[in-house]
Amino acid sequence: MLESKFQSELIKELKNIFPGCIVMKNDSSYIQGIPDLLVLYSDKWATLECKKTLNSSHQPNQDYYVGLMNDMSFSRFICPENKEEVLNALAKLFKVKREA
């Protein structure tokens, strides 16, 4: 699956799991390495960097910004292989029960 298709489907899934959330696509040409998505929900926020696979290469500064933003709130690399794990962690942060 292409990263862009995965990202598009992920945005739809985020909006379904977290009704009323705002998902914004960040501009990596503005800040190199900034995660792809900002998710705003209730009084919390998270960023997600979408990857095609677990083994996809990381661009310069991506590890830095994911780490920095995870220290601030929540940030992860997300791909098809770890999507459920990341979404479960995000649901825990947002205090939303996910159906099994």
PDB file of N, CA and C in Angstrom:
ATOM      1  N   MET A   1       0.850  -1.181   0.000  1.00  0.00           N
ATOM      2  CA  MET A   1       0.000   0.000   0.000  1.00  0.00           C
ATOM      3  C   MET A   1       0.892   1.239   0.000  1.00  0.00           C
ATOM      4  N   LEU A   2       0.532   2.196  -0.792  1.00  0.00           N
ATOM      5  CA  LEU A   2       1.261   3.459  -0.815  1.00  0.00           C
ATOM      6  C   LEU A   2       1.067   4.209   0.499  1.00  0.00           C
ATOM      7  N   GLU A   3       2.087   4.955   0.895  1.00  0.00           N
ATOM      8  CA  GLU A   3       1.994   5.736   2.130  1.00  0.00           C
ATOM      9  C   GLU A   3       0.834   6.728   2.068  1.00  0.00           C
ATOM     10  N   SER A   4       0.630   7.357   0.912  1.00  0.00           N
ATOM     11  CA  SER A   4      -0.453   8.344   0.784  1.00  0.00           C
ATOM     12  C   SER A   4      -1.824   7.695   0.963  1.00  0.00           C
ATOM     13  N   LYS A   5      -1.998   6.482   0.453  1.00  0.00           N
ATOM     14  CA  LYS A   5      -3.275   5.771   0.611  1.00  0.00           C
ATOM     15  C   LYS A   5      -3.467   5.376   2.071  1.00  0.00           C
ATOM     16  N   PHE A   6      -2.398   4.886   2.696  1.00  0.00           N
ATOM     17  CA  PHE A   6      -2.467   4.533   4.117  1.00  0.00           C
ATOM     18  C   PHE A   6      -2.851   5.758   4.941  1.00  0.00           C
ATOM     19  N   GLN A   7      -2.213   6.895   4.654  1.00  0.00           N
ATOM     20  CA  GLN A   7      -2.500   8.128   5.394  1.00  0.00           C
ATOM     21  C   GLN A   7      -3.956   8.549   5.212  1.00  0.00           C
ATOM     22  N   SER A   8      -4.446   8.492   3.997  1.00  0.00           N
ATOM     23  CA  SER A   8      -5.830   8.877   3.714  1.00  0.00           C
ATOM     24  C   SER A   8      -6.824   7.987   4.472  1.00  0.00           C
ATOM     25  N   GLU A   9      -6.584   6.678   4.467  1.00  0.00           N
ATOM     26  CA  GLU A   9      -7.453   5.749   5.194  1.00  0.00           C
ATOM     27  C   GLU A   9      -7.333   5.941   6.697  1.00  0.00           C
ATOM     28  N   LEU A  10      -6.131   6.246   7.171  1.00  0.00           N
ATOM     29  CA  LEU A  10      -5.910   6.483   8.593  1.00  0.00           C
ATOM     30  C   LEU A  10      -6.690   7.705   9.069  1.00  0.00           C
ATOM     31  N   ILE A  11      -6.695   8.768   8.287  1.00  0.00           N
ATOM     32  CA  ILE A  11      -7.441   9.974   8.653  1.00  0.00           C
ATOM     33  C   ILE A  11      -8.920   9.646   8.825  1.00  0.00           C
ATOM     34  N   LYS A  12      -9.484   8.883   7.900  1.00  0.00           N
ATOM     35  CA  LYS A  12     -10.896   8.479   8.004  1.00  0.00           C
ATOM     36  C   LYS A  12     -11.129   7.656   9.266  1.00  0.00           C
ATOM     37  N   GLU A  13     -10.210   6.739   9.551  1.00  0.00           N
ATOM     38  CA  GLU A  13     -10.349   5.893  10.732  1.00  0.00           C
ATOM     39  C   GLU A  13     -10.234   6.715  12.019  1.00  0.00           C
ATOM     40  N   LEU A  14      -9.314   7.656  12.060  1.00  0.00           N
ATOM     41  CA  LEU A  14      -9.187   8.526  13.237  1.00  0.00           C
ATOM     42  C   LEU A  14     -10.483   9.292  13.496  1.00  0.00           C
ATOM     43  N   LYS A  15     -11.083   9.820  12.440  1.00  0.00           N
ATOM     44  CA  LYS A  15     -12.332  10.579  12.585  1.00  0.00           C
ATOM     45  C   LYS A  15     -13.475   9.683  13.041  1.00  0.00           C
ATOM     46  N   ASN A  16     -13.429   8.415  12.668  1.00  0.00           N
ATOM     47  CA  ASN A  16     -14.451   7.464  13.087  1.00  0.00           C
ATOM     48  C   ASN A  16     -14.265   7.066  14.556  1.00  0.00           C
ATOM     49  N   ILE A  17     -13.033   6.800  14.953  1.00  0.00           N
ATOM     50  CA  ILE A  17     -12.738   6.369  16.330  1.00  0.00           C
ATOM     51  C   ILE A  17     -12.912   7.512  17.323  1.00  0.00           C
ATOM     52  N   PHE A  18     -12.520   8.724  16.909  1.00  0.00           N
ATOM     53  CA  PHE A  18     -12.555   9.890  17.793  1.00  0.00           C
ATOM     54  C   PHE A  18     -13.498  10.941  17.205  1.00  0.00           C
ATOM     55  N   PRO A  19     -14.808  10.740  17.347  1.00  0.00           N
ATOM     56  CA  PRO A  19     -15.780  11.673  16.746  1.00  0.00           C
ATOM     57  C   PRO A  19     -15.528  13.110  17.202  1.00  0.00           C
ATOM     58  N   GLY A  20     -15.535  14.008  16.254  1.00  0.00           N
ATOM     59  CA  GLY A  20     -15.324  15.419  16.555  1.00  0.00           C
ATOM     60  C   GLY A  20     -13.862  15.833  16.576  1.00  0.00           C
ATOM     61  N   CYS A  21     -12.955  14.887  16.370  1.00  0.00           N
ATOM     62  CA  CYS A  21     -11.536  15.255  16.360  1.00  0.00           C
ATOM     63  C   CYS A  21     -11.231  16.094  15.114  1.00  0.00           C
ATOM     64  N   ILE A  22     -10.162  16.817  15.187  1.00  0.00           N
ATOM     65  CA  ILE A  22      -9.657  17.571  14.038  1.00  0.00           C
ATOM     66  C   ILE A  22      -8.329  16.936  13.656  1.00  0.00           C
ATOM     67  N   VAL A  23      -8.208  16.545  12.393  1.00  0.00           N
ATOM     68  CA  VAL A  23      -6.961  15.975  11.888  1.00  0.00           C
ATOM     69  C   VAL A  23      -6.410  16.944  10.852  1.00  0.00           C
ATOM     70  N   MET A  24      -5.200  17.425  11.108  1.00  0.00           N
ATOM     71  CA  MET A  24      -4.576  18.380  10.199  1.00  0.00           C
ATOM     72  C   MET A  24      -3.307  17.772   9.614  1.00  0.00           C
ATOM     73  N   LYS A  25      -3.115  17.989   8.308  1.00  0.00           N
ATOM     74  CA  LYS A  25      -1.893  17.541   7.650  1.00  0.00           C
ATOM     75  C   LYS A  25      -0.854  18.654   7.770  1.00  0.00           C
ATOM     76  N   ASN A  26       0.304  18.303   8.292  1.00  0.00           N
ATOM     77  CA  ASN A  26       1.379  19.277   8.461  1.00  0.00           C
ATOM     78  C   ASN A  26       2.196  19.412   7.180  1.00  0.00           C
ATOM     79  N   ASP A  27       2.829  20.545   7.015  1.00  0.00           N
ATOM     80  CA  ASP A  27       3.625  20.857   5.834  1.00  0.00           C
ATOM     81  C   ASP A  27       5.099  20.634   6.143  1.00  0.00           C
ATOM     82  N   SER A  28       5.645  19.511   5.643  1.00  0.00           N
ATOM     83  CA  SER A  28       7.042  19.190   5.935  1.00  0.00           C
ATOM     84  C   SER A  28       8.015  20.142   5.244  1.00  0.00           C
ATOM     85  N   SER A  29       7.535  20.900   4.272  1.00  0.00           N
ATOM     86  CA  SER A  29       8.432  21.880   3.645  1.00  0.00           C
ATOM     87  C   SER A  29       8.582  23.123   4.531  1.00  0.00           C
ATOM     88  N   TYR A  30       7.682  23.288   5.490  1.00  0.00           N
ATOM     89  CA  TYR A  30       7.777  24.406   6.437  1.00  0.00           C
ATOM     90  C   TYR A  30       8.781  24.068   7.536  1.00  0.00           C
ATOM     91  N   ILE A  31       8.638  22.873   8.136  1.00  0.00           N
ATOM     92  CA  ILE A  31       9.591  22.392   9.140  1.00  0.00           C
ATOM     93  C   ILE A  31       9.968  20.971   8.740  1.00  0.00           C
ATOM     94  N   GLN A  32      11.206  20.796   8.285  1.00  0.00           N
ATOM     95  CA  GLN A  32      11.659  19.484   7.828  1.00  0.00           C
ATOM     96  C   GLN A  32      11.617  18.483   8.978  1.00  0.00           C
ATOM     97  N   GLY A  33      10.933  17.372   8.753  1.00  0.00           N
ATOM     98  CA  GLY A  33      10.868  16.304   9.739  1.00  0.00           C
ATOM     99  C   GLY A  33       9.661  16.356  10.648  1.00  0.00           C
ATOM    100  N   ILE A  34       8.843  17.391  10.529  1.00  0.00           N
ATOM    101  CA  ILE A  34       7.649  17.491  11.370  1.00  0.00           C
ATOM    102  C   ILE A  34       6.702  16.332  11.021  1.00  0.00           C
ATOM    103  N   PRO A  35       6.059  15.704  12.004  1.00  0.00           N
ATOM    104  CA  PRO A  35       5.170  14.579  11.702  1.00  0.00           C
ATOM    105  C   PRO A  35       4.039  14.970  10.741  1.00  0.00           C
ATOM    106  N   ASP A  36       3.560  13.971  10.010  1.00  0.00           N
ATOM    107  CA  ASP A  36       2.560  14.188   8.962  1.00  0.00           C
ATOM    108  C   ASP A  36       1.237  14.747   9.471  1.00  0.00           C
ATOM    109  N   LEU A  37       0.762  14.206  10.592  1.00  0.00           N
ATOM    110  CA  LEU A  37      -0.589  14.536  11.052  1.00  0.00           C
ATOM    111  C   LEU A  37      -0.592  15.086  12.477  1.00  0.00           C
ATOM    112  N   LEU A  38      -1.442  16.066  12.702  1.00  0.00           N
ATOM    113  CA  LEU A  38      -1.740  16.577  14.036  1.00  0.00           C
ATOM    114  C   LEU A  38      -3.180  16.196  14.330  1.00  0.00           C
ATOM    115  N   VAL A  39      -3.415  15.529  15.454  1.00  0.00           N
ATOM    116  CA  VAL A  39      -4.754  15.104  15.841  1.00  0.00           C
ATOM    117  C   VAL A  39      -5.138  15.861  17.105  1.00  0.00           C
ATOM    118  N   LEU A  40      -6.214  16.643  17.023  1.00  0.00           N
ATOM    119  CA  LEU A  40      -6.733  17.397  18.165  1.00  0.00           C
ATOM    120  C   LEU A  40      -8.018  16.735  18.626  1.00  0.00           C
ATOM    121  N   TYR A  41      -8.103  16.415  19.907  1.00  0.00           N
ATOM    122  CA  TYR A  41      -9.305  15.766  20.425  1.00  0.00           C
ATOM    123  C   TYR A  41      -9.528  16.219  21.858  1.00  0.00           C
ATOM    124  N   SER A  42     -10.683  16.793  22.105  1.00  0.00           N
ATOM    125  CA  SER A  42     -11.024  17.296  23.428  1.00  0.00           C
ATOM    126  C   SER A  42      -9.926  18.252  23.876  1.00  0.00           C
ATOM    127  N   ASP A  43      -9.284  17.975  25.005  1.00  0.00           N
ATOM    128  CA  ASP A  43      -8.233  18.870  25.494  1.00  0.00           C
ATOM    129  C   ASP A  43      -6.844  18.263  25.300  1.00  0.00           C
ATOM    130  N   LYS A  44      -6.731  17.313  24.351  1.00  0.00           N
ATOM    131  CA  LYS A  44      -5.462  16.636  24.124  1.00  0.00           C
ATOM    132  C   LYS A  44      -5.075  16.705  22.648  1.00  0.00           C
ATOM    133  N   TRP A  45      -3.797  16.382  22.377  1.00  0.00           N
ATOM    134  CA  TRP A  45      -3.328  16.369  20.999  1.00  0.00           C
ATOM    135  C   TRP A  45      -2.264  15.297  20.819  1.00  0.00           C
ATOM    136  N   ALA A  46      -2.071  14.918  19.561  1.00  0.00           N
ATOM    137  CA  ALA A  46      -1.064  13.923  19.210  1.00  0.00           C
ATOM    138  C   ALA A  46      -0.576  14.204  17.795  1.00  0.00           C
ATOM    139  N   THR A  47       0.624  13.725  17.485  1.00  0.00           N
ATOM    140  CA  THR A  47       1.111  13.779  16.112  1.00  0.00           C
ATOM    141  C   THR A  47       1.454  12.363  15.667  1.00  0.00           C
ATOM    142  N   LEU A  48       1.280  12.128  14.370  1.00  0.00           N
ATOM    143  CA  LEU A  48       1.566  10.825  13.788  1.00  0.00           C
ATOM    144  C   LEU A  48       2.387  11.001  12.525  1.00  0.00           C
ATOM    145  N   GLU A  49       3.443  10.240  12.413  1.00  0.00           N
ATOM    146  CA  GLU A  49       4.267  10.209  11.205  1.00  0.00           C
ATOM    147  C   GLU A  49       3.954   8.904  10.484  1.00  0.00           C
ATOM    148  N   CYS A  50       3.328   9.005   9.328  1.00  0.00           N
ATOM    149  CA  CYS A  50       2.906   7.839   8.560  1.00  0.00           C
ATOM    150  C   CYS A  50       4.064   7.262   7.761  1.00  0.00           C
ATOM    151  N   LYS A  51       4.171   5.944   7.789  1.00  0.00           N
ATOM    152  CA  LYS A  51       5.188   5.222   7.033  1.00  0.00           C
ATOM    153  C   LYS A  51       4.529   4.064   6.290  1.00  0.00           C
ATOM    154  N   LYS A  52       5.127   3.702   5.181  1.00  0.00           N
ATOM    155  CA  LYS A  52       4.612   2.597   4.356  1.00  0.00           C
ATOM    156  C   LYS A  52       4.768   1.262   5.077  1.00  0.00           C
ATOM    157  N   THR A  53       5.904   1.056   5.737  1.00  0.00           N
ATOM    158  CA  THR A  53       6.183  -0.171   6.488  1.00  0.00           C
ATOM    159  C   THR A  53       7.022   0.173   7.720  1.00  0.00           C
ATOM    160  N   LEU A  54       7.170  -0.797   8.596  1.00  0.00           N
ATOM    161  CA  LEU A  54       8.026  -0.616   9.776  1.00  0.00           C
ATOM    162  C   LEU A  54       9.470  -0.320   9.385  1.00  0.00           C
ATOM    163  N   ASN A  55       9.894  -0.841   8.248  1.00  0.00           N
ATOM    164  CA  ASN A  55      11.286  -0.688   7.821  1.00  0.00           C
ATOM    165  C   ASN A  55      11.514   0.513   6.909  1.00  0.00           C
ATOM    166  N   SER A  56      10.506   1.343   6.689  1.00  0.00           N
ATOM    167  CA  SER A  56      10.679   2.524   5.834  1.00  0.00           C
ATOM    168  C   SER A  56      11.705   3.463   6.446  1.00  0.00           C
ATOM    169  N   SER A  57      12.475   4.102   5.583  1.00  0.00           N
ATOM    170  CA  SER A  57      13.505   5.013   6.075  1.00  0.00           C
ATOM    171  C   SER A  57      12.878   6.258   6.701  1.00  0.00           C
ATOM    172  N   HIS A  58      13.612   6.853   7.615  1.00  0.00           N
ATOM    173  CA  HIS A  58      13.191   8.082   8.281  1.00  0.00           C
ATOM    174  C   HIS A  58      13.947   9.241   7.658  1.00  0.00           C
ATOM    175  N   GLN A  59      13.246  10.311   7.388  1.00  0.00           N
ATOM    176  CA  GLN A  59      13.850  11.513   6.829  1.00  0.00           C
ATOM    177  C   GLN A  59      14.579  12.265   7.949  1.00  0.00           C
ATOM    178  N   PRO A  60      15.509  13.154   7.553  1.00  0.00           N
ATOM    179  CA  PRO A  60      16.216  13.938   8.577  1.00  0.00           C
ATOM    180  C   PRO A  60      15.234  14.656   9.508  1.00  0.00           C
ATOM    181  N   ASN A  61      15.529  14.622  10.771  1.00  0.00           N
ATOM    182  CA  ASN A  61      14.781  15.300  11.844  1.00  0.00           C
ATOM    183  C   ASN A  61      13.485  14.604  12.257  1.00  0.00           C
ATOM    184  N   GLN A  62      13.028  13.565  11.550  1.00  0.00           N
ATOM    185  CA  GLN A  62      11.771  12.920  11.941  1.00  0.00           C
ATOM    186  C   GLN A  62      11.877  12.291  13.325  1.00  0.00           C
ATOM    187  N   ASP A  63      12.954  11.579  13.586  1.00  0.00           N
ATOM    188  CA  ASP A  63      13.118  10.962  14.905  1.00  0.00           C
ATOM    189  C   ASP A  63      13.143  12.037  16.001  1.00  0.00           C
ATOM    190  N   TYR A  64      13.819  13.142  15.721  1.00  0.00           N
ATOM    191  CA  TYR A  64      13.894  14.245  16.681  1.00  0.00           C
ATOM    192  C   TYR A  64      12.498  14.781  17.014  1.00  0.00           C
ATOM    193  N   TYR A  65      11.717  15.114  15.983  1.00  0.00           N
ATOM    194  CA  TYR A  65      10.399  15.717  16.234  1.00  0.00           C
ATOM    195  C   TYR A  65       9.409  14.727  16.835  1.00  0.00           C
ATOM    196  N   VAL A  66       9.446  13.466  16.421  1.00  0.00           N
ATOM    197  CA  VAL A  66       8.564  12.475  17.037  1.00  0.00           C
ATOM    198  C   VAL A  66       8.911  12.332  18.513  1.00  0.00           C
ATOM    199  N   GLY A  67      10.192  12.282  18.835  1.00  0.00           N
ATOM    200  CA  GLY A  67      10.608  12.190  20.241  1.00  0.00           C
ATOM    201  C   GLY A  67      10.235  13.420  21.050  1.00  0.00           C
ATOM    202  N   LEU A  68      10.503  14.597  20.488  1.00  0.00           N
ATOM    203  CA  LEU A  68      10.187  15.854  21.165  1.00  0.00           C
ATOM    204  C   LEU A  68       8.689  15.968  21.439  1.00  0.00           C
ATOM    205  N   MET A  69       7.889  15.689  20.427  1.00  0.00           N
ATOM    206  CA  MET A  69       6.435  15.826  20.581  1.00  0.00           C
ATOM    207  C   MET A  69       5.854  14.723  21.460  1.00  0.00           C
ATOM    208  N   ASN A  70       6.506  13.562  21.495  1.00  0.00           N
ATOM    209  CA  ASN A  70       6.056  12.518  22.411  1.00  0.00           C
ATOM    210  C   ASN A  70       6.322  12.940  23.854  1.00  0.00           C
ATOM    211  N   ASP A  71       7.423  13.635  24.093  1.00  0.00           N
ATOM    212  CA  ASP A  71       7.688  14.163  25.438  1.00  0.00           C
ATOM    213  C   ASP A  71       6.664  15.226  25.830  1.00  0.00           C
ATOM    214  N   MET A  72       6.159  15.967  24.860  1.00  0.00           N
ATOM    215  CA  MET A  72       5.165  17.013  25.137  1.00  0.00           C
ATOM    216  C   MET A  72       3.772  16.427  25.357  1.00  0.00           C
ATOM    217  N   SER A  73       3.411  15.431  24.566  1.00  0.00           N
ATOM    218  CA  SER A  73       2.074  14.848  24.619  1.00  0.00           C
ATOM    219  C   SER A  73       2.116  13.406  24.132  1.00  0.00           C
ATOM    220  N   PHE A  74       1.997  13.198  22.809  1.00  0.00           N
ATOM    221  CA  PHE A  74       1.970  11.859  22.219  1.00  0.00           C
ATOM    222  C   PHE A  74       2.397  11.985  20.765  1.00  0.00           C
ATOM    223  N   SER A  75       3.335  11.159  20.349  1.00  0.00           N
ATOM    224  CA  SER A  75       3.762  11.148  18.957  1.00  0.00           C
ATOM    225  C   SER A  75       4.320   9.779  18.638  1.00  0.00           C
ATOM    226  N   ARG A  76       3.972   9.262  17.464  1.00  0.00           N
ATOM    227  CA  ARG A  76       4.434   7.945  17.051  1.00  0.00           C
ATOM    228  C   ARG A  76       4.647   7.892  15.545  1.00  0.00           C
ATOM    229  N   PHE A  77       5.520   6.968  15.139  1.00  0.00           N
ATOM    230  CA  PHE A  77       5.561   6.527  13.758  1.00  0.00           C
ATOM    231  C   PHE A  77       4.452   5.494  13.635  1.00  0.00           C
ATOM    232  N   ILE A  78       3.663   5.568  12.587  1.00  0.00           N
ATOM    233  CA  ILE A  78       2.559   4.628  12.402  1.00  0.00           C
ATOM    234  C   ILE A  78       2.603   4.065  10.990  1.00  0.00           C
ATOM    235  N   CYS A  79       2.378   2.762  10.885  1.00  0.00           N
ATOM    236  CA  CYS A  79       2.364   2.065   9.605  1.00  0.00           C
ATOM    237  C   CYS A  79       1.341   0.932   9.720  1.00  0.00           C
ATOM    238  N   PRO A  80       1.033   0.250   8.628  1.00  0.00           N
ATOM    239  CA  PRO A  80       0.043  -0.834   8.722  1.00  0.00           C
ATOM    240  C   PRO A  80       0.382  -1.884   9.780  1.00  0.00           C
ATOM    241  N   GLU A  81       1.676  -2.195   9.959  1.00  0.00           N
ATOM    242  CA  GLU A  81       2.060  -3.246  10.901  1.00  0.00           C
ATOM    243  C   GLU A  81       1.831  -2.870  12.367  1.00  0.00           C
ATOM    244  N   ASN A  82       1.907  -1.591  12.726  1.00  0.00           N
ATOM    245  CA  ASN A  82       1.734  -1.215  14.136  1.00  0.00           C
ATOM    246  C   ASN A  82       0.504  -0.325  14.358  1.00  0.00           C
ATOM    247  N   LYS A  83      -0.317  -0.204  13.349  1.00  0.00           N
ATOM    248  CA  LYS A  83      -1.462   0.717  13.421  1.00  0.00           C
ATOM    249  C   LYS A  83      -2.362   0.445  14.628  1.00  0.00           C
ATOM    250  N   GLU A  84      -2.738  -0.807  14.859  1.00  0.00           N
ATOM    251  CA  GLU A  84      -3.649  -1.115  15.968  1.00  0.00           C
ATOM    252  C   GLU A  84      -3.021  -0.777  17.318  1.00  0.00           C
ATOM    253  N   GLU A  85      -1.754  -1.081  17.471  1.00  0.00           N
ATOM    254  CA  GLU A  85      -1.041  -0.769  18.711  1.00  0.00           C
ATOM    255  C   GLU A  85      -1.024   0.743  18.961  1.00  0.00           C
ATOM    256  N   VAL A  86      -0.721   1.518  17.920  1.00  0.00           N
ATOM    257  CA  VAL A  86      -0.667   2.979  18.054  1.00  0.00           C
ATOM    258  C   VAL A  86      -2.066   3.541  18.319  1.00  0.00           C
ATOM    259  N   LEU A  87      -3.072   3.054  17.598  1.00  0.00           N
ATOM    260  CA  LEU A  87      -4.430   3.558  17.811  1.00  0.00           C
ATOM    261  C   LEU A  87      -4.940   3.206  19.202  1.00  0.00           C
ATOM    262  N   ASN A  88      -4.577   2.043  19.724  1.00  0.00           N
ATOM    263  CA  ASN A  88      -4.966   1.682  21.091  1.00  0.00           C
ATOM    264  C   ASN A  88      -4.302   2.614  22.109  1.00  0.00           C
ATOM    265  N   ALA A  89      -3.033   2.940  21.898  1.00  0.00           N
ATOM    266  CA  ALA A  89      -2.338   3.871  22.797  1.00  0.00           C
ATOM    267  C   ALA A  89      -2.957   5.261  22.708  1.00  0.00           C
ATOM    268  N   LEU A  90      -3.328   5.667  21.509  1.00  0.00           N
ATOM    269  CA  LEU A  90      -3.957   6.972  21.316  1.00  0.00           C
ATOM    270  C   LEU A  90      -5.332   7.002  21.990  1.00  0.00           C
ATOM    271  N   ALA A  91      -6.087   5.915  21.885  1.00  0.00           N
ATOM    272  CA  ALA A  91      -7.398   5.828  22.541  1.00  0.00           C
ATOM    273  C   ALA A  91      -7.248   5.925  24.061  1.00  0.00           C
ATOM    274  N   LYS A  92      -6.191   5.322  24.577  1.00  0.00           N
ATOM    275  CA  LYS A  92      -5.938   5.406  26.024  1.00  0.00           C
ATOM    276  C   LYS A  92      -5.658   6.850  26.426  1.00  0.00           C
ATOM    277  N   LEU A  93      -4.826   7.540  25.635  1.00  0.00           N
ATOM    278  CA  LEU A  93      -4.544   8.954  25.905  1.00  0.00           C
ATOM    279  C   LEU A  93      -5.817   9.790  25.850  1.00  0.00           C
ATOM    280  N   PHE A  94      -6.615   9.572  24.806  1.00  0.00           N
ATOM    281  CA  PHE A  94      -7.834  10.347  24.602  1.00  0.00           C
ATOM    282  C   PHE A  94      -8.996   9.849  25.470  1.00  0.00           C
ATOM    283  N   LYS A  95      -8.774   8.761  26.221  1.00  0.00           N
ATOM    284  CA  LYS A  95      -9.796   8.174  27.103  1.00  0.00           C
ATOM    285  C   LYS A  95     -11.044   7.789  26.322  1.00  0.00           C
ATOM    286  N   VAL A  96     -10.810   7.059  25.223  1.00  0.00           N
ATOM    287  CA  VAL A  96     -11.900   6.564  24.377  1.00  0.00           C
ATOM    288  C   VAL A  96     -11.772   5.039  24.338  1.00  0.00           C
ATOM    289  N   LYS A  97     -12.869   4.343  24.624  1.00  0.00           N
ATOM    290  CA  LYS A  97     -12.857   2.883  24.584  1.00  0.00           C
ATOM    291  C   LYS A  97     -13.005   2.431  23.142  1.00  0.00           C
ATOM    292  N   ARG A  98     -12.055   1.606  22.713  1.00  0.00           N
ATOM    293  CA  ARG A  98     -12.111   1.043  21.360  1.00  0.00           C
ATOM    294  C   ARG A  98     -12.770  -0.318  21.423  1.00  0.00           C
ATOM    295  N   GLU A  99     -13.602  -0.590  20.428  1.00  0.00           N
ATOM    296  CA  GLU A  99     -14.235  -1.906  20.330  1.00  0.00           C
ATOM    297  C   GLU A  99     -13.223  -2.908  19.814  1.00  0.00           C
ATOM    298  N   ALA A 100     -13.267  -4.095  20.369  1.00  0.00           N
ATOM    299  CA  ALA A 100     -12.313  -5.155  19.974  1.00  0.00           C
ATOM    300  C   ALA A 100     -12.615  -5.716  18.608  1.00  0.00           C
TER     301      ALA A 100
END
